[in-house]
């Protein structure tokens, strides 16, 4: 004989609350914050502070702005490095040509 678990019907008040937190996005944000904590390589000393920082939308905006500034700075740095790279390539090309001219025996 197989035994089946029967679940009591969900209380309508609880079901309404579940729908509310799901529609409002609260459940998703909490889940994302918890998943982020779970995926950390090293566990933070204060899990509550970590959770708050991941959960608080205001900190997201601040973090987002900081990331935008950092991205812009990295883009400028990349552009400068590309220019430097191109200059070095040109210098190397000239150096190789000059070395080839010097290395040729005179006739």
PDB file of N, CA and C in Angstrom:
ATOM      1  N   UNK A   1       0.841  -1.174   0.000  1.00  0.00           N
ATOM      2  CA  UNK A   1       0.000   0.000   0.000  1.00  0.00           C
ATOM      3  C   UNK A   1       0.893   1.247   0.000  1.00  0.00           C
ATOM      4  N   UNK A   2       0.596   2.135  -0.889  1.00  0.00           N
ATOM      5  CA  UNK A   2       1.377   3.357  -1.021  1.00  0.00           C
ATOM      6  C   UNK A   2       0.749   4.447  -0.177  1.00  0.00           C
ATOM      7  N   UNK A   3       1.613   5.152   0.510  1.00  0.00           N
ATOM      8  CA  UNK A   3       1.089   6.240   1.326  1.00  0.00           C
ATOM      9  C   UNK A   3       1.368   7.556   0.608  1.00  0.00           C
ATOM     10  N   UNK A   4       0.388   8.359   0.497  1.00  0.00           N
ATOM     11  CA  UNK A   4       0.526   9.663  -0.152  1.00  0.00           C
ATOM     12  C   UNK A   4       0.429  10.739   0.910  1.00  0.00           C
ATOM     13  N   UNK A   5       1.288  11.705   0.735  1.00  0.00           N
ATOM     14  CA  UNK A   5       1.194  12.842   1.650  1.00  0.00           C
ATOM     15  C   UNK A   5       0.070  13.735   1.185  1.00  0.00           C
ATOM     16  N   UNK A   6      -0.731  14.106   2.070  1.00  0.00           N
ATOM     17  CA  UNK A   6      -1.784  15.058   1.717  1.00  0.00           C
ATOM     18  C   UNK A   6      -1.452  16.375   2.387  1.00  0.00           C
ATOM     19  N   UNK A   7      -1.603  17.404   1.624  1.00  0.00           N
ATOM     20  CA  UNK A   7      -1.307  18.724   2.142  1.00  0.00           C
ATOM     21  C   UNK A   7      -2.607  19.421   2.487  1.00  0.00           C
ATOM     22  N   UNK A   8      -2.575  20.082   3.607  1.00  0.00           N
ATOM     23  CA  UNK A   8      -3.749  20.843   4.017  1.00  0.00           C
ATOM     24  C   UNK A   8      -3.900  22.020   3.072  1.00  0.00           C
ATOM     25  N   UNK A   9      -5.102  22.399   2.778  1.00  0.00           N
ATOM     26  CA  UNK A   9      -5.288  23.555   1.901  1.00  0.00           C
ATOM     27  C   UNK A   9      -4.608  24.780   2.505  1.00  0.00           C
ATOM     28  N   UNK A  10      -3.994  25.554   1.638  1.00  0.00           N
ATOM     29  CA  UNK A  10      -3.278  26.741   2.092  1.00  0.00           C
ATOM     30  C   UNK A  10      -4.291  27.765   2.567  1.00  0.00           C
ATOM     31  N   UNK A  11      -4.012  28.293   3.713  1.00  0.00           N
ATOM     32  CA  UNK A  11      -4.863  29.327   4.278  1.00  0.00           C
ATOM     33  C   UNK A  11      -4.920  30.494   3.296  1.00  0.00           C
ATOM     34  N   UNK A  12      -6.104  31.004   3.035  1.00  0.00           N
ATOM     35  CA  UNK A  12      -6.250  32.062   2.026  1.00  0.00           C
ATOM     36  C   UNK A  12      -5.466  33.317   2.395  1.00  0.00           C
ATOM     37  N   UNK A  13      -5.343  33.604   3.675  1.00  0.00           N
ATOM     38  CA  UNK A  13      -4.582  34.773   4.098  1.00  0.00           C
ATOM     39  C   UNK A  13      -3.097  34.592   3.748  1.00  0.00           C
ATOM     40  N   UNK A  14      -2.587  33.394   3.973  1.00  0.00           N
ATOM     41  CA  UNK A  14      -1.197  33.109   3.635  1.00  0.00           C
ATOM     42  C   UNK A  14      -0.992  33.155   2.122  1.00  0.00           C
ATOM     43  N   UNK A  15      -1.944  32.618   1.400  1.00  0.00           N
ATOM     44  CA  UNK A  15      -1.852  32.616  -0.062  1.00  0.00           C
ATOM     45  C   UNK A  15      -1.882  34.042  -0.606  1.00  0.00           C
ATOM     46  N   UNK A  16      -2.739  34.877  -0.052  1.00  0.00           N
ATOM     47  CA  UNK A  16      -2.796  36.285  -0.462  1.00  0.00           C
ATOM     48  C   UNK A  16      -1.464  36.979  -0.191  1.00  0.00           C
ATOM     49  N   UNK A  17      -0.872  36.691   0.965  1.00  0.00           N
ATOM     50  CA  UNK A  17       0.409  37.300   1.311  1.00  0.00           C
ATOM     51  C   UNK A  17       1.501  36.827   0.355  1.00  0.00           C
ATOM     52  N   UNK A  18       1.517  35.535   0.044  1.00  0.00           N
ATOM     53  CA  UNK A  18       2.503  34.985  -0.885  1.00  0.00           C
ATOM     54  C   UNK A  18       2.390  35.672  -2.242  1.00  0.00           C
ATOM     55  N   UNK A  19       1.160  35.842  -2.714  1.00  0.00           N
ATOM     56  CA  UNK A  19       0.944  36.512  -4.000  1.00  0.00           C
ATOM     57  C   UNK A  19       1.417  37.963  -3.941  1.00  0.00           C
ATOM     58  N   UNK A  20       1.161  38.610  -2.819  1.00  0.00           N
ATOM     59  CA  UNK A  20       1.564  40.001  -2.631  1.00  0.00           C
ATOM     60  C   UNK A  20       3.087  40.151  -2.725  1.00  0.00           C
ATOM     61  N   UNK A  21       3.825  39.318  -1.979  1.00  0.00           N
ATOM     62  CA  UNK A  21       5.287  39.468  -2.006  1.00  0.00           C
ATOM     63  C   UNK A  21       5.869  39.023  -3.346  1.00  0.00           C
ATOM     64  N   UNK A  22       5.174  38.154  -4.023  1.00  0.00           N
ATOM     65  CA  UNK A  22       5.636  37.737  -5.343  1.00  0.00           C
ATOM     66  C   UNK A  22       5.407  38.846  -6.366  1.00  0.00           C
ATOM     67  N   UNK A  23       4.208  39.446  -6.357  1.00  0.00           N
ATOM     68  CA  UNK A  23       3.893  40.523  -7.306  1.00  0.00           C
ATOM     69  C   UNK A  23       4.756  41.757  -7.078  1.00  0.00           C
ATOM     70  N   UNK A  24       5.040  42.050  -5.817  1.00  0.00           N
ATOM     71  CA  UNK A  24       5.804  43.255  -5.498  1.00  0.00           C
ATOM     72  C   UNK A  24       7.287  43.124  -5.834  1.00  0.00           C
ATOM     73  N   UNK A  25       7.737  41.903  -6.102  1.00  0.00           N
ATOM     74  CA  UNK A  25       9.144  41.695  -6.419  1.00  0.00           C
ATOM     75  C   UNK A  25      10.000  41.424  -5.194  1.00  0.00           C
ATOM     76  N   UNK A  26       9.382  41.459  -4.027  1.00  0.00           N
ATOM     77  CA  UNK A  26      10.117  41.239  -2.787  1.00  0.00           C
ATOM     78  C   UNK A  26      10.731  39.844  -2.743  1.00  0.00           C
ATOM     79  N   UNK A  27       9.962  38.860  -3.110  1.00  0.00           N
ATOM     80  CA  UNK A  27      10.441  37.480  -3.072  1.00  0.00           C
ATOM     81  C   UNK A  27      11.647  37.296  -3.997  1.00  0.00           C
ATOM     82  N   UNK A  28      11.580  37.893  -5.170  1.00  0.00           N
ATOM     83  CA  UNK A  28      12.691  37.775  -6.120  1.00  0.00           C
ATOM     84  C   UNK A  28      13.947  38.450  -5.588  1.00  0.00           C
ATOM     85  N   UNK A  29      13.804  39.647  -5.021  1.00  0.00           N
ATOM     86  CA  UNK A  29      14.971  40.361  -4.489  1.00  0.00           C
ATOM     87  C   UNK A  29      15.593  39.619  -3.319  1.00  0.00           C
ATOM     88  N   UNK A  30      14.742  39.079  -2.455  1.00  0.00           N
ATOM     89  CA  UNK A  30      15.265  38.307  -1.325  1.00  0.00           C
ATOM     90  C   UNK A  30      16.021  37.081  -1.832  1.00  0.00           C
ATOM     91  N   UNK A  31      15.450  36.430  -2.817  1.00  0.00           N
ATOM     92  CA  UNK A  31      16.088  35.239  -3.374  1.00  0.00           C
ATOM     93  C   UNK A  31      17.430  35.593  -3.999  1.00  0.00           C
ATOM     94  N   UNK A  32      17.472  36.682  -4.765  1.00  0.00           N
ATOM     95  CA  UNK A  32      18.729  37.102  -5.393  1.00  0.00           C
ATOM     96  C   UNK A  32      19.791  37.435  -4.348  1.00  0.00           C
ATOM     97  N   UNK A  33      19.377  38.108  -3.268  1.00  0.00           N
ATOM     98  CA  UNK A  33      20.325  38.452  -2.207  1.00  0.00           C
ATOM     99  C   UNK A  33      20.856  37.191  -1.532  1.00  0.00           C
ATOM    100  N   UNK A  34      19.987  36.239  -1.280  1.00  0.00           N
ATOM    101  CA  UNK A  34      20.418  34.991  -0.642  1.00  0.00           C
ATOM    102  C   UNK A  34      21.306  34.161  -1.568  1.00  0.00           C
ATOM    103  N   UNK A  35      20.966  34.124  -2.838  1.00  0.00           N
ATOM    104  CA  UNK A  35      21.790  33.384  -3.801  1.00  0.00           C
ATOM    105  C   UNK A  35      23.169  34.028  -3.896  1.00  0.00           C
ATOM    106  N   UNK A  36      23.210  35.351  -3.914  1.00  0.00           N
ATOM    107  CA  UNK A  36      24.482  36.066  -3.968  1.00  0.00           C
ATOM    108  C   UNK A  36      25.339  35.721  -2.750  1.00  0.00           C
ATOM    109  N   UNK A  37      24.728  35.677  -1.588  1.00  0.00           N
ATOM    110  CA  UNK A  37      25.443  35.313  -0.366  1.00  0.00           C
ATOM    111  C   UNK A  37      25.952  33.879  -0.457  1.00  0.00           C
ATOM    112  N   UNK A  38      25.134  33.002  -0.963  1.00  0.00           N
ATOM    113  CA  UNK A  38      25.510  31.591  -1.105  1.00  0.00           C
ATOM    114  C   UNK A  38      26.696  31.419  -2.045  1.00  0.00           C
ATOM    115  N   UNK A  39      26.745  32.223  -3.114  1.00  0.00           N
ATOM    116  CA  UNK A  39      27.781  32.076  -4.135  1.00  0.00           C
ATOM    117  C   UNK A  39      29.096  32.768  -3.791  1.00  0.00           C
ATOM    118  N   UNK A  40      29.137  33.505  -2.689  1.00  0.00           N
ATOM    119  CA  UNK A  40      30.372  34.170  -2.278  1.00  0.00           C
ATOM    120  C   UNK A  40      31.450  33.131  -1.991  1.00  0.00           C
ATOM    121  N   UNK A  41      32.669  33.406  -2.464  1.00  0.00           N
ATOM    122  CA  UNK A  41      33.792  32.500  -2.199  1.00  0.00           C
ATOM    123  C   UNK A  41      34.101  32.461  -0.707  1.00  0.00           C
ATOM    124  N   UNK A  42      34.172  33.644  -0.120  1.00  0.00           N
ATOM    125  CA  UNK A  42      34.436  33.752   1.315  1.00  0.00           C
ATOM    126  C   UNK A  42      33.205  34.344   1.977  1.00  0.00           C
ATOM    127  N   UNK A  43      32.761  33.718   3.012  1.00  0.00           N
ATOM    128  CA  UNK A  43      31.573  34.189   3.722  1.00  0.00           C
ATOM    129  C   UNK A  43      31.892  35.496   4.451  1.00  0.00           C
ATOM    130  N   UNK A  44      31.032  36.499   4.306  1.00  0.00           N
ATOM    131  CA  UNK A  44      31.263  37.761   5.013  1.00  0.00           C
ATOM    132  C   UNK A  44      31.078  37.570   6.518  1.00  0.00           C
ATOM    133  N   UNK A  45      31.785  38.386   7.285  1.00  0.00           N
ATOM    134  CA  UNK A  45      31.672  38.287   8.740  1.00  0.00           C
ATOM    135  C   UNK A  45      30.264  38.630   9.202  1.00  0.00           C
ATOM    136  N   UNK A  46      29.667  39.639   8.588  1.00  0.00           N
ATOM    137  CA  UNK A  46      28.333  40.057   8.993  1.00  0.00           C
ATOM    138  C   UNK A  46      27.357  39.754   7.855  1.00  0.00           C
ATOM    139  N   UNK A  47      26.699  38.629   7.952  1.00  0.00           N
ATOM    140  CA  UNK A  47      25.784  38.192   6.891  1.00  0.00           C
ATOM    141  C   UNK A  47      24.595  39.134   6.750  1.00  0.00           C
ATOM    142  N   UNK A  48      24.151  39.697   7.853  1.00  0.00           N
ATOM    143  CA  UNK A  48      22.994  40.603   7.801  1.00  0.00           C
ATOM    144  C   UNK A  48      23.357  41.873   7.035  1.00  0.00           C
ATOM    145  N   UNK A  49      24.526  42.432   7.316  1.00  0.00           N
ATOM    146  CA  UNK A  49      24.959  43.637   6.597  1.00  0.00           C
ATOM    147  C   UNK A  49      25.134  43.332   5.110  1.00  0.00           C
ATOM    148  N   UNK A  50      25.685  42.177   4.805  1.00  0.00           N
ATOM    149  CA  UNK A  50      25.850  41.770   3.409  1.00  0.00           C
ATOM    150  C   UNK A  50      24.489  41.676   2.734  1.00  0.00           C
ATOM    151  N   UNK A  51      23.557  41.015   3.400  1.00  0.00           N
ATOM    152  CA  UNK A  51      22.210  40.844   2.854  1.00  0.00           C
ATOM    153  C   UNK A  51      21.560  42.204   2.617  1.00  0.00           C
ATOM    154  N   UNK A  52      21.676  43.095   3.591  1.00  0.00           N
ATOM    155  CA  UNK A  52      21.091  44.433   3.450  1.00  0.00           C
ATOM    156  C   UNK A  52      21.696  45.172   2.259  1.00  0.00           C
ATOM    157  N   UNK A  53      23.014  45.054   2.102  1.00  0.00           N
ATOM    158  CA  UNK A  53      23.662  45.778   1.002  1.00  0.00           C
ATOM    159  C   UNK A  53      23.218  45.244  -0.354  1.00  0.00           C
ATOM    160  N   UNK A  54      22.932  43.967  -0.444  1.00  0.00           N
ATOM    161  CA  UNK A  54      22.463  43.368  -1.693  1.00  0.00           C
ATOM    162  C   UNK A  54      20.972  43.591  -1.898  1.00  0.00           C
ATOM    163  N   UNK A  55      20.267  43.757  -0.826  1.00  0.00           N
ATOM    164  CA  UNK A  55      18.818  43.839  -0.884  1.00  0.00           C
ATOM    165  C   UNK A  55      18.321  45.267  -1.066  1.00  0.00           C
ATOM    166  N   UNK A  56      19.052  46.218  -0.540  1.00  0.00           N
ATOM    167  CA  UNK A  56      18.620  47.613  -0.525  1.00  0.00           C
ATOM    168  C   UNK A  56      18.756  48.244  -1.907  1.00  0.00           C
ATOM    169  N   UNK A  57      17.633  48.610  -2.536  1.00  0.00           N
ATOM    170  CA  UNK A  57      17.703  49.202  -3.878  1.00  0.00           C
ATOM    171  C   UNK A  57      18.483  50.516  -3.921  1.00  0.00           C
ATOM    172  N   UNK A  58      18.493  51.278  -2.813  1.00  0.00           N
ATOM    173  CA  UNK A  58      19.252  52.528  -2.795  1.00  0.00           C
ATOM    174  C   UNK A  58      20.742  52.256  -2.960  1.00  0.00           C
ATOM    175  N   UNK A  59      21.222  51.195  -2.331  1.00  0.00           N
ATOM    176  CA  UNK A  59      22.642  50.873  -2.476  1.00  0.00           C
ATOM    177  C   UNK A  59      22.934  50.397  -3.892  1.00  0.00           C
ATOM    178  N   UNK A  60      21.940  49.828  -4.559  1.00  0.00           N
ATOM    179  CA  UNK A  60      22.124  49.395  -5.944  1.00  0.00           C
ATOM    180  C   UNK A  60      22.370  50.601  -6.834  1.00  0.00           C
ATOM    181  N   UNK A  61      21.600  51.671  -6.613  1.00  0.00           N
ATOM    182  CA  UNK A  61      21.769  52.867  -7.435  1.00  0.00           C
ATOM    183  C   UNK A  61      23.148  53.467  -7.212  1.00  0.00           C
ATOM    184  N   UNK A  62      23.566  53.534  -5.947  1.00  0.00           N
ATOM    185  CA  UNK A  62      24.890  54.054  -5.628  1.00  0.00           C
ATOM    186  C   UNK A  62      25.951  53.175  -6.260  1.00  0.00           C
ATOM    187  N   UNK A  63      25.775  51.891  -6.121  1.00  0.00           N
ATOM    188  CA  UNK A  63      26.719  50.942  -6.694  1.00  0.00           C
ATOM    189  C   UNK A  63      26.718  51.044  -8.215  1.00  0.00           C
ATOM    190  N   UNK A  64      25.546  51.228  -8.788  1.00  0.00           N
ATOM    191  CA  UNK A  64      25.417  51.351 -10.239  1.00  0.00           C
ATOM    192  C   UNK A  64      26.162  52.587 -10.741  1.00  0.00           C
ATOM    193  N   UNK A  65      26.011  53.693 -10.041  1.00  0.00           N
ATOM    194  CA  UNK A  65      26.710  54.922 -10.426  1.00  0.00           C
ATOM    195  C   UNK A  65      28.222  54.738 -10.313  1.00  0.00           C
ATOM    196  N   UNK A  66      28.658  54.087  -9.251  1.00  0.00           N
ATOM    197  CA  UNK A  66      30.091  53.842  -9.070  1.00  0.00           C
ATOM    198  C   UNK A  66      30.617  52.962 -10.197  1.00  0.00           C
ATOM    199  N   UNK A  67      29.840  51.977 -10.583  1.00  0.00           N
ATOM    200  CA  UNK A  67      30.257  51.092 -11.673  1.00  0.00           C
ATOM    201  C   UNK A  67      30.329  51.843 -12.995  1.00  0.00           C
ATOM    202  N   UNK A  68      29.377  52.747 -13.225  1.00  0.00           N
ATOM    203  CA  UNK A  68      29.403  53.540 -14.457  1.00  0.00           C
ATOM    204  C   UNK A  68      30.661  54.405 -14.514  1.00  0.00           C
ATOM    205  N   UNK A  69      31.016  55.020 -13.379  1.00  0.00           N
ATOM    206  CA  UNK A  69      32.220  55.846 -13.335  1.00  0.00           C
ATOM    207  C   UNK A  69      33.464  54.995 -13.567  1.00  0.00           C
ATOM    208  N   UNK A  70      33.496  53.831 -12.935  1.00  0.00           N
ATOM    209  CA  UNK A  70      34.644  52.943 -13.109  1.00  0.00           C
ATOM    210  C   UNK A  70      34.747  52.464 -14.555  1.00  0.00           C
ATOM    211  N   UNK A  71      33.605  52.153 -15.157  1.00  0.00           N
ATOM    212  CA  UNK A  71      33.596  51.716 -16.554  1.00  0.00           C
ATOM    213  C   UNK A  71      34.145  52.807 -17.461  1.00  0.00           C
ATOM    214  N   UNK A  72      33.727  54.036 -17.236  1.00  0.00           N
ATOM    215  CA  UNK A  72      34.204  55.151 -18.049  1.00  0.00           C
ATOM    216  C   UNK A  72      35.709  55.336 -17.876  1.00  0.00           C
ATOM    217  N   UNK A  73      36.179  55.214 -16.646  1.00  0.00           N
ATOM    218  CA  UNK A  73      37.609  55.343 -16.373  1.00  0.00           C
ATOM    219  C   UNK A  73      38.395  54.231 -17.077  1.00  0.00           C
ATOM    220  N   UNK A  74      37.888  53.022 -17.034  1.00  0.00           N
ATOM    221  CA  UNK A  74      38.564  51.894 -17.682  1.00  0.00           C
ATOM    222  C   UNK A  74      38.551  52.066 -19.196  1.00  0.00           C
ATOM    223  N   UNK A  75      37.464  52.595 -19.729  1.00  0.00           N
ATOM    224  CA  UNK A  75      37.408  52.843 -21.179  1.00  0.00           C
ATOM    225  C   UNK A  75      38.464  53.862 -21.601  1.00  0.00           C
ATOM    226  N   UNK A  76      38.600  54.942 -20.802  1.00  0.00           N
ATOM    227  CA  UNK A  76      39.626  55.951 -21.114  1.00  0.00           C
ATOM    228  C   UNK A  76      41.025  55.333 -21.048  1.00  0.00           C
ATOM    229  N   UNK A  77      41.234  54.519 -20.019  1.00  0.00           N
ATOM    230  CA  UNK A  77      42.529  53.863 -19.865  1.00  0.00           C
ATOM    231  C   UNK A  77      42.800  52.929 -21.047  1.00  0.00           C
ATOM    232  N   UNK A  78      41.783  52.199 -21.483  1.00  0.00           N
ATOM    233  CA  UNK A  78      41.927  51.308 -22.634  1.00  0.00           C
ATOM    234  C   UNK A  78      42.288  52.102 -23.884  1.00  0.00           C
ATOM    235  N   UNK A  79      41.616  53.220 -24.069  1.00  0.00           N
ATOM    236  CA  UNK A  79      41.892  54.059 -25.238  1.00  0.00           C
ATOM    237  C   UNK A  79      43.334  54.562 -25.216  1.00  0.00           C
ATOM    238  N   UNK A  80      43.792  54.995 -24.038  1.00  0.00           N
ATOM    239  CA  UNK A  80      45.176  55.463 -23.911  1.00  0.00           C
ATOM    240  C   UNK A  80      46.164  54.333 -24.207  1.00  0.00           C
ATOM    241  N   UNK A  81      45.865  53.144 -23.710  1.00  0.00           N
ATOM    242  CA  UNK A  81      46.746  51.999 -23.947  1.00  0.00           C
ATOM    243  C   UNK A  81      46.755  51.589 -25.416  1.00  0.00           C
ATOM    244  N   UNK A  82      45.614  51.713 -26.085  1.00  0.00           N
ATOM    245  CA  UNK A  82      45.568  51.397 -27.514  1.00  0.00           C
ATOM    246  C   UNK A  82      46.419  52.379 -28.311  1.00  0.00           C
ATOM    247  N   UNK A  83      46.356  53.647 -27.943  1.00  0.00           N
ATOM    248  CA  UNK A  83      47.180  54.658 -28.615  1.00  0.00           C
ATOM    249  C   UNK A  83      48.660  54.355 -28.381  1.00  0.00           C
ATOM    250  N   UNK A  84      49.005  54.061 -27.129  1.00  0.00           N
ATOM    251  CA  UNK A  84      50.395  53.735 -26.804  1.00  0.00           C
ATOM    252  C   UNK A  84      50.849  52.485 -27.566  1.00  0.00           C
ATOM    253  N   UNK A  85      49.987  51.507 -27.647  1.00  0.00           N
ATOM    254  CA  UNK A  85      50.292  50.268 -28.373  1.00  0.00           C
ATOM    255  C   UNK A  85      50.570  50.559 -29.848  1.00  0.00           C
ATOM    256  N   UNK A  86      49.722  51.371 -30.452  1.00  0.00           N
ATOM    257  CA  UNK A  86      49.914  51.723 -31.865  1.00  0.00           C
ATOM    258  C   UNK A  86      51.221  52.482 -32.084  1.00  0.00           C
ATOM    259  N   UNK A  87      51.546  53.395 -31.164  1.00  0.00           N
ATOM    260  CA  UNK A  87      52.809  54.132 -31.276  1.00  0.00           C
ATOM    261  C   UNK A  87      54.005  53.187 -31.168  1.00  0.00           C
ATOM    262  N   UNK A  88      53.934  52.256 -30.238  1.00  0.00           N
ATOM    263  CA  UNK A  88      55.030  51.300 -30.076  1.00  0.00           C
ATOM    264  C   UNK A  88      55.172  50.400 -31.300  1.00  0.00           C
ATOM    265  N   UNK A  89      54.043  50.016 -31.881  1.00  0.00           N
ATOM    266  CA  UNK A  89      54.097  49.205 -33.100  1.00  0.00           C
ATOM    267  C   UNK A  89      54.772  49.979 -34.227  1.00  0.00           C
ATOM    268  N   UNK A  90      54.431  51.268 -34.336  1.00  0.00           N
ATOM    269  CA  UNK A  90      55.039  52.095 -35.381  1.00  0.00           C
ATOM    270  C   UNK A  90      56.539  52.236 -35.139  1.00  0.00           C
ATOM    271  N   UNK A  91      56.918  52.439 -33.872  1.00  0.00           N
ATOM    272  CA  UNK A  91      58.336  52.565 -33.546  1.00  0.00           C
ATOM    273  C   UNK A  91      59.081  51.269 -33.843  1.00  0.00           C
ATOM    274  N   UNK A  92      58.458  50.153 -33.524  1.00  0.00           N
ATOM    275  CA  UNK A  92      59.087  48.858 -33.807  1.00  0.00           C
ATOM    276  C   UNK A  92      59.247  48.657 -35.304  1.00  0.00           C
ATOM    277  N   UNK A  93      58.223  49.028 -36.056  1.00  0.00           N
ATOM    278  CA  UNK A  93      58.289  48.871 -37.508  1.00  0.00           C
ATOM    279  C   UNK A  93      59.431  49.716 -38.073  1.00  0.00           C
ATOM    280  N   UNK A  94      59.581  50.934 -37.586  1.00  0.00           N
ATOM    281  CA  UNK A  94      60.679  51.792 -38.039  1.00  0.00           C
ATOM    282  C   UNK A  94      62.016  51.198 -37.627  1.00  0.00           C
ATOM    283  N   UNK A  95      62.082  50.682 -36.415  1.00  0.00           N
ATOM    284  CA  UNK A  95      63.319  50.079 -35.918  1.00  0.00           C
ATOM    285  C   UNK A  95      63.707  48.868 -36.724  1.00  0.00           C
ATOM    286  N   UNK A  96      62.752  48.063 -37.095  1.00  0.00           N
ATOM    287  CA  UNK A  96      63.026  46.870 -37.896  1.00  0.00           C
ATOM    288  C   UNK A  96      63.512  47.280 -39.267  1.00  0.00           C
ATOM    289  N   UNK A  97      62.901  48.286 -39.848  1.00  0.00           N
ATOM    290  CA  UNK A  97      63.314  48.764 -41.170  1.00  0.00           C
ATOM    291  C   UNK A  97      64.718  49.344 -41.082  1.00  0.00           C
ATOM    292  N   UNK A  98      64.994  50.144 -40.063  1.00  0.00           N
ATOM    293  CA  UNK A  98      66.319  50.739 -39.906  1.00  0.00           C
ATOM    294  C   UNK A  98      67.368  49.658 -39.700  1.00  0.00           C
ATOM    295  N   UNK A  99      67.057  48.643 -38.878  1.00  0.00           N
ATOM    296  CA  UNK A  99      68.001  47.553 -38.642  1.00  0.00           C
ATOM    297  C   UNK A  99      68.265  46.796 -39.935  1.00  0.00           C
ATOM    298  N   UNK A 100      67.241  46.596 -40.735  1.00  0.00           N
ATOM    299  CA  UNK A 100      67.401  45.872 -41.997  1.00  0.00           C
ATOM    300  C   UNK A 100      68.298  46.663 -42.946  1.00  0.00           C
ATOM    301  N   UNK A 101      68.154  47.972 -42.964  1.00  0.00           N
ATOM    302  CA  UNK A 101      68.977  48.814 -43.832  1.00  0.00           C
ATOM    303  C   UNK A 101      70.421  48.776 -43.356  1.00  0.00           C
ATOM    304  N   UNK A 102      70.646  48.850 -42.071  1.00  0.00           N
ATOM    305  CA  UNK A 102      71.994  48.836 -41.515  1.00  0.00           C
ATOM    306  C   UNK A 102      72.633  47.466 -41.714  1.00  0.00           C
ATOM    307  N   UNK A 103      71.869  46.420 -41.617  1.00  0.00           N
ATOM    308  CA  UNK A 103      72.404  45.058 -41.702  1.00  0.00           C
ATOM    309  C   UNK A 103      72.778  44.654 -43.122  1.00  0.00           C
ATOM    310  N   UNK A 104      72.261  45.334 -44.123  1.00  0.00           N
ATOM    311  CA  UNK A 104      72.586  44.970 -45.510  1.00  0.00           C
ATOM    312  C   UNK A 104      74.041  45.318 -45.799  1.00  0.00           C
ATOM    313  N   UNK A 105      74.744  44.402 -46.435  1.00  0.00           N
ATOM    314  CA  UNK A 105      76.144  44.704 -46.783  1.00  0.00           C
ATOM    315  C   UNK A 105      76.206  45.747 -47.901  1.00  0.00           C
ATOM    316  N   UNK A 106      77.191  46.600 -47.790  1.00  0.00           N
ATOM    317  CA  UNK A 106      77.348  47.634 -48.818  1.00  0.00           C
ATOM    318  C   UNK A 106      78.077  47.044 -50.010  1.00  0.00           C
ATOM    319  N   UNK A 107      77.687  47.430 -51.177  1.00  0.00           N
ATOM    320  CA  UNK A 107      78.328  46.913 -52.388  1.00  0.00           C
ATOM    321  C   UNK A 107      79.113  47.963 -53.078  1.00  0.00           C
TER     322      UNK A 107
END
